[in-house]
Each structure stands twice: as C-alpha cells, then as structure tokens.
Amino acid sequence: MKKQAIVFWLLIAFAAFGIIGGLLDGGGAHWSTILVPVLVVGIIFILYKYPPRKYRKQNPKVKPSARTMSKLAAERRAASSGQKRKSYPFQVIDGQKGKNEDDIPKYH
C-alpha cells in the first residue's frame, strides 16, 4: 500500500473518532466541534482525489524521430500496396501417420 494512502486513511480515522467523540461528549455537539473535522476530511479527500501538479505522475511526451516515422510510413505503404490477403501465423503440416477414414467425424 502506498504511504499516501496510509496517511490518508489514518487522518480519516482520526477525524471519524473526533466526530464520534464530539457527539458522545456532553450529550450535544457544538457546530465548531463537528465542523472542523468535517472540513479537514473534505480538504484531505479533495487533495487525495485531485493532487497538486507537482505530485501527479507526469508522462513525458516523446516525439518520434524521423527515422521511426519513415519506417512506419514504409510499413503502411507496403501493407496497402499488396493484395488483400489474410496472413495467418500458423500453417498445418500433415504428419507421417496415415489418415484413418474411420476416425474422421461426419459432423463437426
């Protein structure tokens, strides 16, 4: 589990204990005792869901080289100029055993 997730859930648990303790302490709760933990939980949840830019994973965009682009263009031209033929990766090779006509099912 990531450290950020552990810290997040610990803070959620502390806030929940604070809210429950505030409700059970003295019979009634003041708005300030409930409002502060709820705001803390809300802010933490928003930061967890939408982290600041410097903490986000950044995937650098790599521009393909001219050599790579020429290879891709050549492959596209070769594929489009050929006949419309399906290429299968396997080929059936008959074995050395003889075929037995009795073993072939009539229906597949």
N, C-alpha and C. Protein backbone atom coordinates (compact mmCIF):
# COMPACT_ATOMS: atom_id res chain seq x y z
N MET A 1 0.85 -1.17 0.00
CA MET A 1 0.00 0.00 0.00
C MET A 1 0.90 1.24 0.00
N LYS A 2 0.51 2.25 -0.67
CA LYS A 2 1.30 3.47 -0.76
C LYS A 2 1.25 4.23 0.55
N LYS A 3 2.34 4.96 0.83
CA LYS A 3 2.40 5.75 2.06
C LYS A 3 1.32 6.81 2.09
N GLN A 4 1.02 7.40 0.94
CA GLN A 4 -0.01 8.44 0.89
C GLN A 4 -1.37 7.87 1.28
N ALA A 5 -1.65 6.64 0.86
CA ALA A 5 -2.94 6.03 1.18
C ALA A 5 -3.03 5.74 2.68
N ILE A 6 -1.92 5.30 3.27
CA ILE A 6 -1.93 5.01 4.71
C ILE A 6 -2.17 6.29 5.50
N VAL A 7 -1.48 7.36 5.13
CA VAL A 7 -1.67 8.64 5.82
C VAL A 7 -3.10 9.13 5.64
N PHE A 8 -3.63 8.99 4.44
CA PHE A 8 -5.00 9.42 4.16
C PHE A 8 -5.99 8.70 5.06
N TRP A 9 -5.90 7.38 5.14
CA TRP A 9 -6.86 6.62 5.94
C TRP A 9 -6.66 6.83 7.44
N LEU A 10 -5.43 7.09 7.87
CA LEU A 10 -5.22 7.43 9.29
C LEU A 10 -5.90 8.75 9.63
N LEU A 11 -5.76 9.73 8.76
CA LEU A 11 -6.42 11.01 9.01
C LEU A 11 -7.94 10.88 8.98
N ILE A 12 -8.45 10.06 8.10
CA ILE A 12 -9.91 9.82 8.05
C ILE A 12 -10.37 9.17 9.36
N ALA A 13 -9.59 8.19 9.84
CA ALA A 13 -9.95 7.51 11.08
C ALA A 13 -9.92 8.48 12.26
N PHE A 14 -8.87 9.33 12.34
CA PHE A 14 -8.80 10.31 13.42
C PHE A 14 -9.96 11.29 13.36
N ALA A 15 -10.31 11.72 12.18
CA ALA A 15 -11.44 12.64 12.04
C ALA A 15 -12.75 11.97 12.47
N ALA A 16 -12.91 10.69 12.08
CA ALA A 16 -14.12 9.97 12.46
C ALA A 16 -14.20 9.82 13.98
N PHE A 17 -13.06 9.47 14.62
CA PHE A 17 -13.05 9.36 16.08
C PHE A 17 -13.36 10.71 16.72
N GLY A 18 -12.84 11.79 16.15
CA GLY A 18 -13.11 13.12 16.69
C GLY A 18 -14.58 13.48 16.59
N ILE A 19 -15.22 13.15 15.47
CA ILE A 19 -16.65 13.46 15.31
C ILE A 19 -17.48 12.62 16.27
N ILE A 20 -17.16 11.34 16.36
CA ILE A 20 -17.93 10.46 17.25
C ILE A 20 -17.72 10.88 18.70
N GLY A 21 -16.47 11.19 19.07
CA GLY A 21 -16.20 11.64 20.44
C GLY A 21 -16.90 12.95 20.76
N GLY A 22 -16.95 13.86 19.78
CA GLY A 22 -17.64 15.13 19.99
C GLY A 22 -19.14 14.96 20.15
N LEU A 23 -19.73 14.00 19.44
CA LEU A 23 -21.16 13.76 19.58
C LEU A 23 -21.50 13.09 20.90
N LEU A 24 -20.65 12.21 21.37
CA LEU A 24 -20.93 11.48 22.61
C LEU A 24 -20.56 12.26 23.86
N ASP A 25 -19.70 13.25 23.73
CA ASP A 25 -19.24 14.02 24.88
C ASP A 25 -20.25 15.10 25.24
N GLY A 26 -20.87 15.00 26.37
CA GLY A 26 -21.78 16.04 26.86
C GLY A 26 -23.17 15.96 26.26
N GLY A 27 -23.53 14.98 25.52
CA GLY A 27 -24.88 14.83 25.00
C GLY A 27 -25.14 15.59 23.72
N GLY A 28 -24.68 16.79 23.58
CA GLY A 28 -24.92 17.57 22.37
C GLY A 28 -23.60 18.10 21.82
N ALA A 29 -23.57 18.34 20.57
CA ALA A 29 -22.33 18.80 19.95
C ALA A 29 -22.52 20.21 19.45
N HIS A 30 -21.46 20.99 19.56
CA HIS A 30 -21.48 22.33 19.00
C HIS A 30 -21.06 22.24 17.55
N TRP A 31 -21.45 23.24 16.78
CA TRP A 31 -21.09 23.23 15.36
C TRP A 31 -19.58 23.25 15.15
N SER A 32 -18.88 23.91 16.02
CA SER A 32 -17.42 24.01 15.83
C SER A 32 -16.74 22.67 16.04
N THR A 33 -17.25 21.83 16.93
CA THR A 33 -16.63 20.53 17.15
C THR A 33 -16.88 19.57 16.00
N ILE A 34 -17.94 19.75 15.28
CA ILE A 34 -18.24 18.88 14.13
C ILE A 34 -17.68 19.48 12.85
N LEU A 35 -17.73 20.80 12.75
CA LEU A 35 -17.34 21.46 11.51
C LEU A 35 -15.85 21.31 11.19
N VAL A 36 -15.00 21.43 12.17
CA VAL A 36 -13.55 21.36 11.92
C VAL A 36 -13.15 19.98 11.39
N PRO A 37 -13.52 18.86 12.01
CA PRO A 37 -13.14 17.56 11.44
C PRO A 37 -13.75 17.30 10.06
N VAL A 38 -14.96 17.76 9.85
CA VAL A 38 -15.59 17.58 8.53
C VAL A 38 -14.83 18.37 7.47
N LEU A 39 -14.41 19.59 7.79
CA LEU A 39 -13.62 20.38 6.84
C LEU A 39 -12.26 19.73 6.58
N VAL A 40 -11.63 19.21 7.62
CA VAL A 40 -10.33 18.55 7.44
C VAL A 40 -10.49 17.33 6.54
N VAL A 41 -11.50 16.52 6.78
CA VAL A 41 -11.74 15.33 5.95
C VAL A 41 -12.04 15.75 4.52
N GLY A 42 -12.83 16.78 4.34
CA GLY A 42 -13.16 17.24 2.99
C GLY A 42 -11.94 17.75 2.23
N ILE A 43 -11.11 18.52 2.90
CA ILE A 43 -9.90 19.04 2.25
C ILE A 43 -8.95 17.91 1.90
N ILE A 44 -8.78 16.98 2.82
CA ILE A 44 -7.89 15.83 2.55
C ILE A 44 -8.42 15.00 1.39
N PHE A 45 -9.73 14.78 1.35
CA PHE A 45 -10.31 14.00 0.26
C PHE A 45 -10.11 14.70 -1.08
N ILE A 46 -10.31 15.99 -1.12
CA ILE A 46 -10.14 16.74 -2.37
C ILE A 46 -8.68 16.69 -2.83
N LEU A 47 -7.75 16.86 -1.89
CA LEU A 47 -6.33 16.78 -2.24
C LEU A 47 -5.93 15.37 -2.66
N TYR A 48 -6.54 14.37 -2.08
CA TYR A 48 -6.26 12.98 -2.46
C TYR A 48 -6.80 12.69 -3.85
N LYS A 49 -7.99 13.16 -4.14
CA LYS A 49 -8.63 12.90 -5.43
C LYS A 49 -7.99 13.73 -6.55
N TYR A 50 -7.69 14.98 -6.28
CA TYR A 50 -7.09 15.89 -7.25
C TYR A 50 -5.80 16.48 -6.68
N PRO A 51 -4.69 15.73 -6.74
CA PRO A 51 -3.44 16.23 -6.14
C PRO A 51 -2.88 17.42 -6.93
N PRO A 52 -2.05 18.23 -6.27
CA PRO A 52 -1.40 19.34 -6.99
C PRO A 52 -0.51 18.81 -8.11
N ARG A 53 -0.19 19.66 -9.07
CA ARG A 53 0.55 19.24 -10.26
C ARG A 53 1.92 18.64 -9.94
N LYS A 54 2.59 19.16 -8.93
CA LYS A 54 3.94 18.67 -8.67
C LYS A 54 3.92 17.25 -8.08
N TYR A 55 2.78 16.76 -7.60
CA TYR A 55 2.70 15.40 -7.06
C TYR A 55 2.07 14.41 -8.03
N ARG A 56 1.59 14.89 -9.15
CA ARG A 56 0.98 14.00 -10.14
C ARG A 56 2.06 13.28 -10.93
N LYS A 57 1.70 12.11 -11.44
CA LYS A 57 2.62 11.40 -12.32
C LYS A 57 2.63 12.11 -13.66
N GLN A 58 3.83 12.36 -14.14
CA GLN A 58 3.94 13.04 -15.42
C GLN A 58 4.52 12.09 -16.45
N ASN A 59 3.81 11.91 -17.52
CA ASN A 59 4.28 11.08 -18.62
C ASN A 59 4.86 12.01 -19.68
N PRO A 60 6.17 11.98 -19.85
CA PRO A 60 6.76 12.89 -20.84
C PRO A 60 6.36 12.47 -22.25
N LYS A 61 6.01 13.46 -23.06
CA LYS A 61 5.66 13.19 -24.44
C LYS A 61 6.94 13.14 -25.26
N VAL A 62 7.13 12.03 -25.95
CA VAL A 62 8.33 11.84 -26.74
C VAL A 62 7.96 11.95 -28.20
N LYS A 63 8.64 12.83 -28.90
CA LYS A 63 8.39 12.99 -30.32
C LYS A 63 9.18 11.92 -31.07
N PRO A 64 8.51 11.13 -31.92
CA PRO A 64 9.24 10.10 -32.66
C PRO A 64 10.23 10.71 -33.64
N SER A 65 11.34 10.02 -33.83
CA SER A 65 12.37 10.54 -34.71
C SER A 65 11.94 10.39 -36.18
N ALA A 66 12.66 11.07 -37.05
CA ALA A 66 12.36 10.99 -38.49
C ALA A 66 12.57 9.57 -38.99
N ARG A 67 13.57 8.90 -38.45
CA ARG A 67 13.84 7.51 -38.86
C ARG A 67 12.66 6.60 -38.51
N THR A 68 12.13 6.75 -37.32
CA THR A 68 10.99 5.95 -36.90
C THR A 68 9.77 6.25 -37.77
N MET A 69 9.54 7.51 -38.04
CA MET A 69 8.39 7.88 -38.87
C MET A 69 8.53 7.33 -40.28
N SER A 70 9.75 7.30 -40.83
CA SER A 70 9.94 6.75 -42.17
C SER A 70 9.69 5.25 -42.19
N LYS A 71 10.07 4.55 -41.12
CA LYS A 71 9.79 3.12 -41.03
C LYS A 71 8.28 2.86 -40.98
N LEU A 72 7.57 3.64 -40.19
CA LEU A 72 6.13 3.47 -40.10
C LEU A 72 5.44 3.76 -41.43
N ALA A 73 5.90 4.79 -42.12
CA ALA A 73 5.31 5.13 -43.42
C ALA A 73 5.59 4.03 -44.43
N ALA A 74 6.79 3.44 -44.40
CA ALA A 74 7.12 2.36 -45.33
C ALA A 74 6.27 1.13 -45.05
N GLU A 75 6.02 0.83 -43.80
CA GLU A 75 5.16 -0.31 -43.46
C GLU A 75 3.74 -0.08 -43.94
N ARG A 76 3.25 1.12 -43.81
CA ARG A 76 1.88 1.42 -44.25
C ARG A 76 1.76 1.30 -45.77
N ARG A 77 2.77 1.79 -46.48
CA ARG A 77 2.75 1.70 -47.94
C ARG A 77 2.82 0.25 -48.40
N ALA A 78 3.65 -0.55 -47.76
CA ALA A 78 3.80 -1.96 -48.14
C ALA A 78 2.51 -2.73 -47.86
N ALA A 79 1.86 -2.41 -46.77
CA ALA A 79 0.63 -3.10 -46.41
C ALA A 79 -0.51 -2.72 -47.36
N SER A 80 -0.58 -1.47 -47.76
CA SER A 80 -1.69 -1.04 -48.61
C SER A 80 -1.47 -1.40 -50.08
N SER A 81 -0.21 -1.54 -50.52
CA SER A 81 0.03 -1.81 -51.93
C SER A 81 -0.13 -3.29 -52.27
N GLY A 82 -0.03 -4.16 -51.29
CA GLY A 82 -0.13 -5.61 -51.54
C GLY A 82 -1.57 -6.02 -51.77
N GLN A 83 -1.74 -7.32 -52.07
CA GLN A 83 -3.08 -7.85 -52.28
C GLN A 83 -3.81 -7.92 -50.95
N LYS A 84 -5.11 -7.99 -51.04
CA LYS A 84 -5.92 -8.14 -49.84
C LYS A 84 -5.90 -9.62 -49.46
N ARG A 85 -4.95 -9.98 -48.61
CA ARG A 85 -4.79 -11.36 -48.23
C ARG A 85 -4.60 -11.43 -46.72
N LYS A 86 -5.26 -12.38 -46.13
CA LYS A 86 -5.11 -12.55 -44.70
C LYS A 86 -3.84 -13.34 -44.43
N SER A 87 -3.11 -12.94 -43.43
CA SER A 87 -1.92 -13.68 -43.06
C SER A 87 -2.19 -14.38 -41.73
N TYR A 88 -2.00 -15.66 -41.70
CA TYR A 88 -2.20 -16.45 -40.50
C TYR A 88 -0.84 -16.85 -39.95
N PRO A 89 -0.68 -16.82 -38.66
CA PRO A 89 0.63 -17.14 -38.10
C PRO A 89 0.96 -18.63 -38.08
N PHE A 90 -0.01 -19.50 -38.37
CA PHE A 90 0.22 -20.93 -38.30
C PHE A 90 -0.04 -21.58 -39.65
N GLN A 91 0.61 -22.71 -39.85
CA GLN A 91 0.42 -23.47 -41.08
C GLN A 91 0.25 -24.93 -40.69
N VAL A 92 -0.70 -25.61 -41.28
CA VAL A 92 -0.95 -27.01 -40.97
C VAL A 92 0.00 -27.88 -41.79
N ILE A 93 0.71 -28.74 -41.09
CA ILE A 93 1.63 -29.66 -41.75
C ILE A 93 1.13 -31.07 -41.48
N ASP A 94 0.92 -31.85 -42.54
CA ASP A 94 0.46 -33.22 -42.39
C ASP A 94 1.56 -34.06 -41.74
N GLY A 95 1.17 -34.88 -40.77
CA GLY A 95 2.13 -35.74 -40.09
C GLY A 95 2.46 -36.97 -40.90
N GLN A 96 3.30 -37.85 -40.33
CA GLN A 96 3.72 -39.05 -41.04
C GLN A 96 2.77 -40.22 -40.81
N LYS A 97 1.89 -40.10 -39.85
CA LYS A 97 0.88 -41.14 -39.66
C LYS A 97 -0.09 -41.08 -40.84
N GLY A 98 -0.60 -42.16 -41.22
CA GLY A 98 -1.59 -42.15 -42.29
C GLY A 98 -2.92 -41.68 -41.76
N LYS A 99 -3.73 -41.15 -42.63
CA LYS A 99 -5.05 -40.72 -42.22
C LYS A 99 -5.96 -41.93 -42.19
N ASN A 100 -6.72 -42.04 -41.14
CA ASN A 100 -7.66 -43.14 -41.00
C ASN A 100 -9.05 -42.58 -41.24
N GLU A 101 -9.71 -43.07 -42.22
CA GLU A 101 -11.03 -42.55 -42.60
C GLU A 101 -12.08 -42.85 -41.54
N ASP A 102 -11.86 -43.87 -40.72
CA ASP A 102 -12.85 -44.22 -39.71
C ASP A 102 -12.86 -43.21 -38.55
N ASP A 103 -11.73 -42.56 -38.30
CA ASP A 103 -11.63 -41.63 -37.16
C ASP A 103 -12.21 -40.25 -37.47
N ILE A 104 -12.42 -39.92 -38.72
CA ILE A 104 -12.91 -38.60 -39.07
C ILE A 104 -14.41 -38.53 -38.79
N PRO A 105 -14.85 -37.59 -37.97
CA PRO A 105 -16.30 -37.49 -37.69
C PRO A 105 -17.04 -36.97 -38.90
N LYS A 106 -18.27 -37.41 -39.02
CA LYS A 106 -19.10 -36.98 -40.15
C LYS A 106 -19.56 -35.52 -39.96
N TYR A 107 -19.81 -35.14 -38.72
CA TYR A 107 -20.27 -33.79 -38.43
C TYR A 107 -19.30 -33.14 -37.46
N HIS A 108 -19.08 -31.88 -37.66
CA HIS A 108 -18.14 -31.17 -36.77
C HIS A 108 -18.88 -30.50 -35.67
